[in-house]
Amino acid sequence: MKKFLVIMISLLSFAYAQTTQNSFRTSYQNLHLDTEDLGLFETSYLFNFCNYYGNCIYTGASVYSAISGKRGGFFVSGLSGGYQYKFHKFIWDSGLFLGGGGGGAAPQGSGFMIRAHTGLSYRMGAFDLGVNFNHIDFPDGKIKSNQVALQLAYNFKDIYLFKKPENLSYDLKHVYFAPFVLKYFPLSSNNTHQTKQKSFNLIGTEIGQNDNSYLYFIEAGGAINGNSDGYAEYFFGMGKQMGPLQLKASLGAAGGGSVNTSGGMAYKLGLSTQFHNFKLQSGYYGTFQDTFKAYFLSLGYEKRFNLVTAGNHYSGGDIDVSHFKLKIYNERYLSSATIRKNSDAKPLDNLAIDLDYLLTKNIFVGITASSAYRGNSGGYATGMLGVGYIYNSAISPFIKLFIGAGGGGSVDVGGGLIAKAEAGVEFKNFFLGAGKIKALNGNLDDTYINVGVLYKFGRGTTH
């Protein structure tokens, strides 16, 4: 597997343009614990490397979110990989997930999760519908379960560019990226301690696609104040453009930070309008168990892209290449009594993923997400936005500043607003970094070290 990925990365590095076979996979599994059930919903974005016969090795990123039971706010993120063997319209699929997370006061230990599965799907056009048997284990926690999952995958092609093309047949995908701040105004809701839920603020990001007058999006955010540190949400939605207004509806998983979302499934109904690149939105948030309901108001900034994707409706044209970096790494908080509320000074390890967009050859903006998997702080997670500078050379030094939300796992982040400053070096497909992380209204104030791999890629864009 490792050798195969190294070969693929080497080939892509010299390719002119690479058409990839991708999948967006979802599944639902109900875990049987000692005294309760826990329903987990999977969302995965996968890259498939297939041979002539349609047999594929795949790898990608996955998120598992609680949507039933009593552990709202339970999230696990990480990396997936596997092998698919195709015969006629049936696909035998076996794979492995490794990641970190937790939350919802679940017995996840340090947060490290292993999921192994095998199953069978049936291909219907662009969709694969199937079932799999899987085993989920948190090795140093009390979650271990075997179950059957229902699985649905959508298969599609995309184009990644490595040089500015002269002639290319393609389609266009109109996408946007919109960081935002949001405030919840609870309506007669109690928190998990059975006291009145206070209003609180979030910082988050919405990523979506416009298709004629409709839009489809993913939204994620975390609490930054209001005594709800550790609250996180992850929604999928769609909307309709009606003149200057957008009517939006979304469904997803949410909880943590003592916000009483019960099993975790929640929904939003919103109405938004836009002035230049600024987006103002208001709406209603609720849970299906009616344990938390609130009005909300948000303000965001939207950046739009016309991405080149697989197709044949366009050819030639003025295509630019936007450059990105994907980083996957281990982030270690060094031993410090400031990390946890109980003053436990044990180091904390997180699995982290960054996506950087290069505005110029030297300046980049990015998003980063991490979740704990070792150090007795399972359930701790962060999501941040930032900016950085890199000097490009054989060994490339960089600096970056990030701000965002974090919480859970008894990490002492106060209201949840955290900031990071980091310096490091990149060398080919590897990087090393070190920096400081600080909670702006909590006690967390620690040094961390990052070690990981990076992958550079380009996306075609048009004006």
Protein backbone atom coordinates (compact mmCIF):
# COMPACT_ATOMS: atom_id res chain seq x y z
CA MET A 1 0.00 0.00 0.00
CA LYS A 2 2.72 2.51 0.98
CA LYS A 3 4.80 1.62 -2.09
CA PHE A 4 1.75 2.07 -4.34
CA LEU A 5 1.01 5.55 -2.94
CA VAL A 6 4.64 6.65 -3.30
CA ILE A 7 4.60 5.58 -6.97
CA MET A 8 1.30 7.41 -7.58
CA ILE A 9 2.55 10.63 -5.96
CA SER A 10 5.77 10.46 -8.02
CA LEU A 11 3.82 10.02 -11.25
CA LEU A 12 1.39 12.81 -10.46
CA SER A 13 4.25 15.19 -9.69
CA PHE A 14 5.33 15.07 -13.35
CA ALA A 15 1.90 14.74 -14.94
CA TYR A 16 0.41 17.47 -17.09
CA ALA A 17 -3.15 16.79 -15.97
CA GLN A 18 -4.55 13.90 -13.99
CA THR A 19 -8.14 12.71 -14.18
CA THR A 20 -9.03 11.10 -10.86
CA GLN A 21 -11.78 8.67 -10.00
CA ASN A 22 -13.33 9.84 -6.73
CA SER A 23 -16.08 8.70 -4.40
CA PHE A 24 -18.20 10.37 -1.76
CA ARG A 25 -19.22 7.58 0.63
CA THR A 26 -21.74 7.53 3.46
CA SER A 27 -22.73 4.78 5.86
CA TYR A 28 -24.75 4.26 9.02
CA GLN A 29 -23.89 1.80 11.80
CA ASN A 30 -25.46 1.28 15.20
CA LEU A 31 -22.87 0.35 17.85
CA HIS A 32 -24.01 -1.84 20.76
CA LEU A 33 -22.27 -0.78 23.97
CA ASP A 34 -22.75 -2.23 27.45
CA THR A 35 -25.84 -0.22 28.41
CA GLU A 36 -26.64 1.83 25.29
CA ASP A 37 -26.59 2.12 21.52
CA LEU A 38 -24.60 4.69 19.56
CA GLY A 39 -25.56 5.49 15.96
CA LEU A 40 -22.64 6.72 13.83
CA PHE A 41 -22.97 8.32 10.40
CA GLU A 42 -19.91 8.22 8.12
CA THR A 43 -18.97 10.73 5.43
CA SER A 44 -15.82 10.01 3.38
CA TYR A 45 -14.09 11.64 0.41
CA LEU A 46 -12.03 8.97 -1.35
CA PHE A 47 -9.53 8.82 -4.22
CA ASN A 48 -9.67 5.58 -6.22
CA PHE A 49 -6.62 4.21 -8.10
CA CYS A 50 -8.08 1.60 -10.45
CA ASN A 51 -6.73 -0.84 -13.01
CA TYR A 52 -8.18 -1.85 -16.38
CA TYR A 53 -10.59 -4.34 -14.78
CA GLY A 54 -12.06 -1.80 -12.37
CA ASN A 55 -10.31 -3.11 -9.25
CA CYS A 56 -9.25 -0.20 -7.06
CA ILE A 57 -7.03 0.78 -4.16
CA TYR A 58 -8.49 3.82 -2.44
CA THR A 59 -7.55 6.31 0.24
CA GLY A 60 -9.08 9.47 1.69
CA ALA A 61 -10.48 11.30 4.69
CA SER A 62 -13.48 10.28 6.82
CA VAL A 63 -15.63 11.70 9.60
CA TYR A 64 -17.89 9.65 11.90
CA SER A 65 -20.63 11.60 13.74
CA ALA A 66 -23.16 10.54 16.37
CA ILE A 67 -26.76 10.99 15.20
CA SER A 68 -28.64 8.65 17.55
CA GLY A 69 -28.32 7.46 21.13
CA LYS A 70 -27.33 9.90 23.87
CA ARG A 71 -23.84 11.04 22.81
CA GLY A 72 -24.53 14.16 20.75
CA GLY A 73 -21.22 15.86 19.99
CA PHE A 74 -19.32 12.60 19.43
CA PHE A 75 -17.09 13.09 16.34
CA VAL A 76 -14.13 11.09 15.02
CA SER A 77 -12.02 12.10 12.02
CA GLY A 78 -9.13 10.38 10.30
CA LEU A 79 -7.85 8.48 7.27
CA SER A 80 -9.43 5.60 5.36
CA GLY A 81 -7.97 3.13 2.90
CA GLY A 82 -9.01 -0.10 1.26
CA TYR A 83 -9.33 -2.36 -1.75
CA GLN A 84 -12.28 -2.97 -4.10
CA TYR A 85 -12.66 -6.01 -6.33
CA LYS A 86 -15.27 -5.64 -9.11
CA PHE A 87 -17.13 -8.53 -10.71
CA HIS A 88 -19.99 -7.70 -13.04
CA LYS A 89 -21.98 -5.02 -11.18
CA PHE A 90 -20.97 -6.23 -7.72
CA ILE A 91 -18.07 -4.81 -5.73
CA TRP A 92 -16.39 -6.53 -2.81
CA ASP A 93 -14.84 -3.89 -0.55
CA SER A 94 -12.50 -4.27 2.44
CA GLY A 95 -10.86 -1.40 4.24
CA LEU A 96 -9.48 0.21 7.37
CA PHE A 97 -10.00 3.55 9.14
CA LEU A 98 -7.62 5.08 11.71
CA GLY A 99 -8.49 8.30 13.49
CA GLY A 100 -9.07 10.24 16.65
CA GLY A 101 -11.95 11.94 18.41
CA GLY A 102 -14.80 11.36 20.80
CA GLY A 103 -17.02 13.67 22.83
CA GLY A 104 -20.51 13.59 24.27
CA ALA A 105 -19.05 12.24 27.54
CA ALA A 106 -18.56 8.88 25.78
CA PRO A 107 -16.06 6.31 27.14
CA GLN A 108 -13.59 6.79 24.27
CA GLY A 109 -10.41 6.85 26.38
CA SER A 110 -7.69 8.82 24.61
CA GLY A 111 -9.79 8.94 21.43
CA PHE A 112 -7.91 6.57 19.09
CA MET A 113 -10.41 4.68 16.89
CA ILE A 114 -9.92 1.69 14.57
CA ARG A 115 -12.61 0.57 12.12
CA ALA A 116 -12.16 -2.47 9.88
CA HIS A 117 -14.83 -3.50 7.38
CA THR A 118 -15.65 -5.89 4.57
CA GLY A 119 -18.80 -5.93 2.49
CA LEU A 120 -20.58 -6.08 -0.84
CA SER A 121 -22.11 -3.31 -2.97
CA TYR A 122 -24.13 -3.19 -6.18
CA ARG A 123 -23.37 -0.54 -8.82
CA MET A 124 -26.32 1.43 -10.20
CA GLY A 125 -24.99 4.03 -12.61
CA ALA A 126 -22.89 6.47 -10.56
CA PHE A 127 -24.02 4.98 -7.22
CA ASP A 128 -22.91 1.95 -5.19
CA LEU A 129 -25.45 0.63 -2.69
CA GLY A 130 -24.42 -2.06 -0.25
CA VAL A 131 -23.86 -3.44 3.22
CA ASN A 132 -20.72 -4.18 5.19
CA PHE A 133 -19.76 -5.91 8.40
CA ASN A 134 -17.47 -3.76 10.50
CA HIS A 135 -15.62 -3.79 13.81
CA ILE A 136 -15.05 -0.53 15.73
CA ASP A 137 -12.62 -0.38 18.64
CA PHE A 138 -11.24 2.36 20.89
CA PRO A 139 -8.25 0.39 22.27
CA ASP A 140 -7.86 2.28 25.57
CA GLY A 141 -11.55 3.12 25.97
CA LYS A 142 -14.73 1.17 26.59
CA ILE A 143 -16.14 1.25 23.07
CA LYS A 144 -15.85 -2.01 21.13
CA SER A 145 -18.59 -3.30 18.86
CA ASN A 146 -19.36 -5.45 15.80
CA GLN A 147 -22.24 -4.41 13.56
CA VAL A 148 -23.66 -4.29 10.03
CA ALA A 149 -23.69 -0.96 8.18
CA LEU A 150 -25.73 0.32 5.26
CA GLN A 151 -23.49 2.06 2.72
CA LEU A 152 -24.06 4.43 -0.23
CA ALA A 153 -21.30 5.86 -2.44
CA TYR A 154 -21.45 8.38 -5.28
CA ASN A 155 -18.70 7.99 -7.92
CA PHE A 156 -17.44 10.86 -10.08
CA LYS A 157 -14.38 12.08 -11.98
CA ASP A 158 -12.32 15.23 -11.44
CA ILE A 159 -9.24 16.90 -12.95
CA TYR A 160 -6.09 18.00 -11.13
CA LEU A 161 -3.61 20.16 -13.07
CA PHE A 162 0.14 20.51 -12.63
CA LYS A 163 0.89 22.93 -15.47
CA LYS A 164 -1.13 25.61 -17.21
CA PRO A 165 -2.90 23.71 -20.03
CA GLU A 166 -3.04 24.78 -23.67
CA ASN A 167 -5.95 22.58 -24.78
CA LEU A 168 -8.29 20.69 -22.50
CA SER A 169 -11.88 19.43 -22.62
CA TYR A 170 -13.62 20.16 -19.35
CA ASP A 171 -16.69 21.26 -17.43
CA LEU A 172 -16.94 24.03 -14.84
CA LYS A 173 -17.94 23.66 -11.21
CA HIS A 174 -18.97 26.88 -9.44
CA VAL A 175 -17.83 26.55 -5.83
CA TYR A 176 -17.41 28.91 -2.90
CA PHE A 177 -15.56 29.04 0.41
CA ALA A 178 -17.09 31.14 3.20
CA PRO A 179 -15.63 31.46 6.73
CA PHE A 180 -18.14 32.90 9.20
CA VAL A 181 -18.92 33.84 12.79
CA LEU A 182 -22.31 32.86 14.21
CA LYS A 183 -24.29 33.53 17.39
CA TYR A 184 -26.97 31.24 18.85
CA PHE A 185 -29.86 32.67 20.87
CA PRO A 186 -31.36 29.66 22.75
CA LEU A 187 -35.13 29.37 23.19
CA SER A 188 -36.14 27.99 26.61
CA SER A 189 -33.49 25.25 26.43
CA ASN A 190 -31.52 23.66 29.26
CA ASN A 191 -27.99 22.34 28.94
CA THR A 192 -26.90 18.84 29.98
CA HIS A 193 -26.50 20.11 33.57
CA GLN A 194 -30.22 21.04 33.54
CA THR A 195 -29.52 24.77 33.87
CA LYS A 196 -30.53 27.43 31.36
CA GLN A 197 -28.53 27.29 28.14
CA LYS A 198 -26.68 30.57 27.55
CA SER A 199 -26.15 32.13 24.15
CA PHE A 200 -22.80 31.34 22.55
CA ASN A 201 -20.74 32.15 19.46
CA LEU A 202 -19.17 29.91 16.81
CA ILE A 203 -16.47 30.27 14.23
CA GLY A 204 -16.78 28.05 11.18
CA THR A 205 -16.58 27.51 7.45
CA GLU A 206 -19.11 26.78 4.70
CA ILE A 207 -17.96 25.15 1.45
CA GLY A 208 -20.48 24.74 -1.35
CA GLN A 209 -21.33 24.47 -5.01
CA ASN A 210 -23.74 26.60 -7.06
CA ASP A 211 -25.71 24.80 -9.78
CA ASN A 212 -27.94 27.24 -11.65
CA SER A 213 -30.21 28.67 -8.94
CA TYR A 214 -29.54 25.83 -6.45
CA LEU A 215 -26.67 25.39 -4.02
CA TYR A 216 -25.27 22.41 -2.09
CA PHE A 217 -22.94 22.87 0.85
CA ILE A 218 -21.08 21.49 3.87
CA GLU A 219 -20.84 23.59 7.02
CA ALA A 220 -18.72 23.00 10.12
CA GLY A 221 -18.01 25.10 13.20
CA GLY A 222 -17.03 25.14 16.87
CA ALA A 223 -17.86 27.25 19.93
CA ILE A 224 -15.52 30.09 20.94
CA ASN A 225 -17.33 31.49 24.04
CA GLY A 226 -20.47 31.26 26.18
CA ASN A 227 -19.43 28.39 28.48
CA SER A 228 -19.93 25.91 25.61
CA ASP A 229 -16.33 25.08 24.71
CA GLY A 230 -16.25 21.68 23.05
CA TYR A 231 -19.47 22.23 21.11
CA ALA A 232 -19.08 21.33 17.42
CA GLU A 233 -21.43 20.94 14.46
CA TYR A 234 -21.20 19.38 11.00
CA PHE A 235 -24.05 19.93 8.51
CA PHE A 236 -24.96 19.07 4.92
CA GLY A 237 -27.46 21.31 3.18
CA MET A 238 -29.03 22.69 0.05
CA GLY A 239 -30.61 25.99 -0.89
CA LYS A 240 -32.49 27.93 -3.51
CA GLN A 241 -31.59 31.36 -4.89
CA MET A 242 -34.64 33.62 -5.02
CA GLY A 243 -33.60 37.06 -6.26
CA PRO A 244 -31.28 38.61 -3.63
CA LEU A 245 -32.17 35.93 -1.05
CA GLN A 246 -31.09 32.34 -0.46
CA LEU A 247 -33.45 29.93 1.30
CA LYS A 248 -31.35 27.19 2.96
CA ALA A 249 -32.01 23.95 4.84
CA SER A 250 -29.41 21.61 6.35
CA LEU A 251 -29.21 18.40 8.34
CA GLY A 252 -26.31 17.10 10.38
CA ALA A 253 -24.69 16.20 13.68
CA ALA A 254 -23.97 18.52 16.61
CA GLY A 255 -23.25 18.60 20.33
CA GLY A 256 -20.66 18.77 23.07
CA GLY A 257 -19.85 21.64 25.40
CA SER A 258 -22.83 20.71 27.61
CA VAL A 259 -25.23 21.76 24.80
CA ASN A 260 -28.09 19.25 25.03
CA THR A 261 -28.47 17.84 21.52
CA SER A 262 -29.38 14.36 22.87
CA GLY A 263 -28.50 11.83 20.13
CA GLY A 264 -26.77 14.48 18.02
CA MET A 265 -28.99 14.87 14.96
CA ALA A 266 -29.94 18.49 14.31
CA TYR A 267 -31.27 20.72 11.53
CA LYS A 268 -31.15 24.34 10.42
CA LEU A 269 -33.49 26.53 8.38
CA GLY A 270 -31.99 29.81 7.22
CA LEU A 271 -32.41 32.84 5.00
CA SER A 272 -29.34 34.68 3.74
CA THR A 273 -28.49 37.69 1.60
CA GLN A 274 -25.24 38.96 0.16
CA PHE A 275 -23.58 42.35 -0.34
CA HIS A 276 -20.49 42.02 -2.53
CA ASN A 277 -18.57 39.18 -0.81
CA PHE A 278 -20.19 39.56 2.61
CA LYS A 279 -23.00 37.18 3.57
CA LEU A 280 -25.57 37.81 6.31
CA GLN A 281 -27.76 34.91 7.45
CA SER A 282 -30.42 34.32 10.09
CA GLY A 283 -32.53 31.31 10.90
CA TYR A 284 -33.72 28.58 13.25
CA TYR A 285 -31.81 25.62 14.72
CA GLY A 286 -33.42 22.57 16.32
CA THR A 287 -32.82 18.98 17.39
CA PHE A 288 -35.16 16.09 16.61
CA GLN A 289 -35.58 15.34 20.32
CA ASP A 290 -36.47 19.03 20.86
CA THR A 291 -33.78 19.30 23.57
CA PHE A 292 -32.10 22.37 22.06
CA LYS A 293 -33.63 25.04 19.86
CA ALA A 294 -32.37 28.50 19.01
CA TYR A 295 -32.42 31.40 16.60
CA PHE A 296 -29.10 32.27 14.98
CA LEU A 297 -27.43 35.15 13.18
CA SER A 298 -24.19 34.86 11.19
CA LEU A 299 -21.84 37.01 9.16
CA GLY A 300 -19.45 35.52 6.62
CA TYR A 301 -17.08 36.37 3.78
CA GLU A 302 -17.45 34.39 0.55
CA LYS A 303 -14.71 33.63 -1.98
CA ARG A 304 -15.88 32.09 -5.28
CA PHE A 305 -14.03 29.83 -7.73
CA ASN A 306 -14.87 28.44 -11.17
CA LEU A 307 -13.14 25.06 -10.92
CA VAL A 308 -12.25 22.98 -13.96
CA THR A 309 -13.64 19.46 -13.63
CA ALA A 310 -14.04 16.39 -15.86
CA GLY A 311 -16.35 16.87 -18.86
CA ASN A 312 -16.49 18.02 -22.47
CA HIS A 313 -18.71 21.12 -22.58
CA TYR A 314 -15.73 23.49 -22.81
CA SER A 315 -12.29 23.38 -24.41
CA GLY A 316 -9.33 25.69 -24.64
CA GLY A 317 -10.08 29.01 -22.96
CA ASP A 318 -8.08 30.98 -20.44
CA ILE A 319 -7.37 28.48 -17.65
CA ASP A 320 -5.21 29.32 -14.66
CA VAL A 321 -3.82 26.88 -12.10
CA SER A 322 -4.59 27.50 -8.43
CA HIS A 323 -2.06 25.82 -6.16
CA PHE A 324 -2.90 23.93 -2.97
CA LYS A 325 -1.13 21.88 -0.31
CA LEU A 326 -2.60 19.07 1.74
CA LYS A 327 -0.78 18.21 4.98
CA ILE A 328 -1.37 15.17 7.20
CA TYR A 329 0.60 15.07 10.41
CA ASN A 330 0.97 14.33 14.09
CA GLU A 331 0.68 17.35 16.36
CA ARG A 332 2.12 16.88 19.86
CA TYR A 333 1.48 19.27 22.72
CA LEU A 334 4.54 18.98 24.96
CA SER A 335 4.24 18.18 28.65
CA SER A 336 2.57 21.09 30.48
CA ALA A 337 0.27 21.61 33.45
CA THR A 338 -1.66 24.19 31.39
CA ILE A 339 -3.16 21.64 28.98
CA ARG A 340 -5.94 20.12 31.11
CA LYS A 341 -8.37 21.39 33.71
CA ASN A 342 -7.07 18.85 36.22
CA SER A 343 -3.43 20.03 35.71
CA ASP A 344 -2.40 16.63 34.29
CA ALA A 345 0.86 17.50 32.48
CA LYS A 346 0.92 14.45 30.17
CA PRO A 347 1.72 15.24 26.48
CA LEU A 348 -1.23 15.27 24.08
CA ASP A 349 -1.13 13.85 20.52
CA ASN A 350 -3.52 14.94 17.77
CA LEU A 351 -4.10 13.71 14.23
CA ALA A 352 -4.26 16.88 12.09
CA ILE A 353 -5.05 17.80 8.47
CA ASP A 354 -4.33 21.16 6.80
CA LEU A 355 -5.48 22.48 3.43
CA ASP A 356 -3.54 25.53 2.23
CA TYR A 357 -4.39 27.75 -0.75
CA LEU A 358 -1.53 29.79 -2.21
CA LEU A 359 -2.60 33.36 -2.93
CA THR A 360 0.88 34.04 -4.38
CA LYS A 361 4.07 31.99 -4.59
CA ASN A 362 4.83 32.94 -0.99
CA ILE A 363 1.58 33.86 0.80
CA PHE A 364 -1.07 31.27 1.67
CA VAL A 365 -4.31 30.97 3.59
CA GLY A 366 -5.54 27.73 5.07
CA ILE A 367 -7.86 25.71 7.25
CA THR A 368 -6.77 23.11 9.78
CA ALA A 369 -8.58 20.49 11.84
CA SER A 370 -7.24 18.16 14.52
CA SER A 371 -8.54 15.59 17.00
CA ALA A 372 -6.88 13.90 19.97
CA TYR A 373 -5.98 10.22 19.81
CA ARG A 374 -3.45 9.78 22.65
CA GLY A 375 -2.95 11.43 26.04
CA ASN A 376 -6.17 10.82 28.01
CA SER A 377 -8.01 13.72 26.33
CA GLY A 378 -10.28 11.87 23.92
CA GLY A 379 -12.93 14.22 22.54
CA TYR A 380 -10.61 17.21 22.23
CA ALA A 381 -10.73 18.74 18.74
CA THR A 382 -9.85 22.00 17.00
CA GLY A 383 -10.82 23.81 13.80
CA MET A 384 -8.92 26.93 12.73
CA LEU A 385 -8.39 29.46 9.91
CA GLY A 386 -5.09 31.16 9.19
CA VAL A 387 -2.52 32.86 7.00
CA GLY A 388 1.16 32.15 6.37
CA TYR A 389 4.32 32.94 4.43
CA ILE A 390 6.76 30.47 2.83
CA TYR A 391 10.14 31.11 1.22
CA ASN A 392 10.47 28.62 -1.63
CA SER A 393 13.84 26.87 -1.91
CA ALA A 394 15.27 23.35 -1.68
CA ILE A 395 14.43 23.50 2.04
CA SER A 396 11.52 25.94 2.40
CA PRO A 397 11.05 27.76 5.73
CA PHE A 398 7.56 29.00 6.62
CA ILE A 399 5.65 30.86 9.32
CA LYS A 400 1.89 30.90 9.94
CA LEU A 401 -0.74 32.28 12.32
CA PHE A 402 -4.09 30.56 13.01
CA ILE A 403 -7.19 31.37 15.06
CA GLY A 404 -10.26 29.25 15.66
CA ALA A 405 -12.20 27.03 18.03
CA GLY A 406 -11.23 24.09 20.23
CA GLY A 407 -12.53 22.14 23.18
CA GLY A 408 -13.48 18.86 24.77
CA GLY A 409 -11.41 16.21 26.53
CA SER A 410 -11.01 18.40 29.65
CA VAL A 411 -8.49 20.59 27.80
CA ASP A 412 -8.51 24.03 29.45
CA VAL A 413 -9.53 26.29 26.56
CA GLY A 414 -11.88 28.61 28.48
CA GLY A 415 -14.71 29.59 26.10
CA GLY A 416 -13.06 27.79 23.17
CA LEU A 417 -11.26 30.59 21.28
CA ILE A 418 -7.66 29.51 20.55
CA ALA A 419 -4.72 30.82 18.51
CA LYS A 420 -1.50 29.29 17.15
CA ALA A 421 1.80 30.66 15.86
CA GLU A 422 4.15 28.26 14.06
CA ALA A 423 7.46 28.19 12.22
CA GLY A 424 8.91 25.27 10.29
CA VAL A 425 10.46 23.89 7.11
CA GLU A 426 9.22 21.89 4.14
CA PHE A 427 11.42 19.43 2.25
CA LYS A 428 9.91 17.66 -0.77
CA ASN A 429 6.89 15.75 0.60
CA PHE A 430 7.75 16.17 4.28
CA PHE A 431 7.60 18.99 6.80
CA LEU A 432 8.52 19.80 10.38
CA GLY A 433 7.05 22.60 12.48
CA ALA A 434 7.02 23.94 16.02
CA GLY A 435 4.97 26.64 17.68
CA LYS A 436 2.82 27.92 20.51
CA ILE A 437 -0.90 27.32 21.09
CA LYS A 438 -2.85 29.49 23.50
CA ALA A 439 -6.46 29.71 24.66
CA LEU A 440 -7.38 33.39 24.63
CA ASN A 441 -9.62 33.07 27.71
CA GLY A 442 -8.39 29.80 29.20
CA ASN A 443 -5.22 28.38 30.74
CA LEU A 444 -3.95 26.39 27.73
CA ASP A 445 -0.55 27.85 26.85
CA ASP A 446 1.81 25.25 25.44
CA THR A 447 4.52 24.46 22.90
CA TYR A 448 3.80 21.90 20.17
CA ILE A 449 5.75 20.01 17.49
CA ASN A 450 4.37 18.86 14.12
CA VAL A 451 5.83 16.11 11.92
CA GLY A 452 4.09 14.93 8.76
CA VAL A 453 3.76 14.60 5.01
CA LEU A 454 2.47 17.06 2.42
CA TYR A 455 1.10 16.79 -1.10
CA LYS A 456 1.08 19.65 -3.60
CA PHE A 457 -1.62 19.78 -6.25
CA GLY A 458 -3.25 22.22 -8.64
CA ARG A 459 -6.84 22.95 -9.62
CA GLY A 460 -7.80 24.65 -12.87
CA THR A 461 -9.81 27.86 -12.53
CA THR A 462 -11.39 30.30 -14.97
CA HIS A 463 -12.38 33.92 -14.57
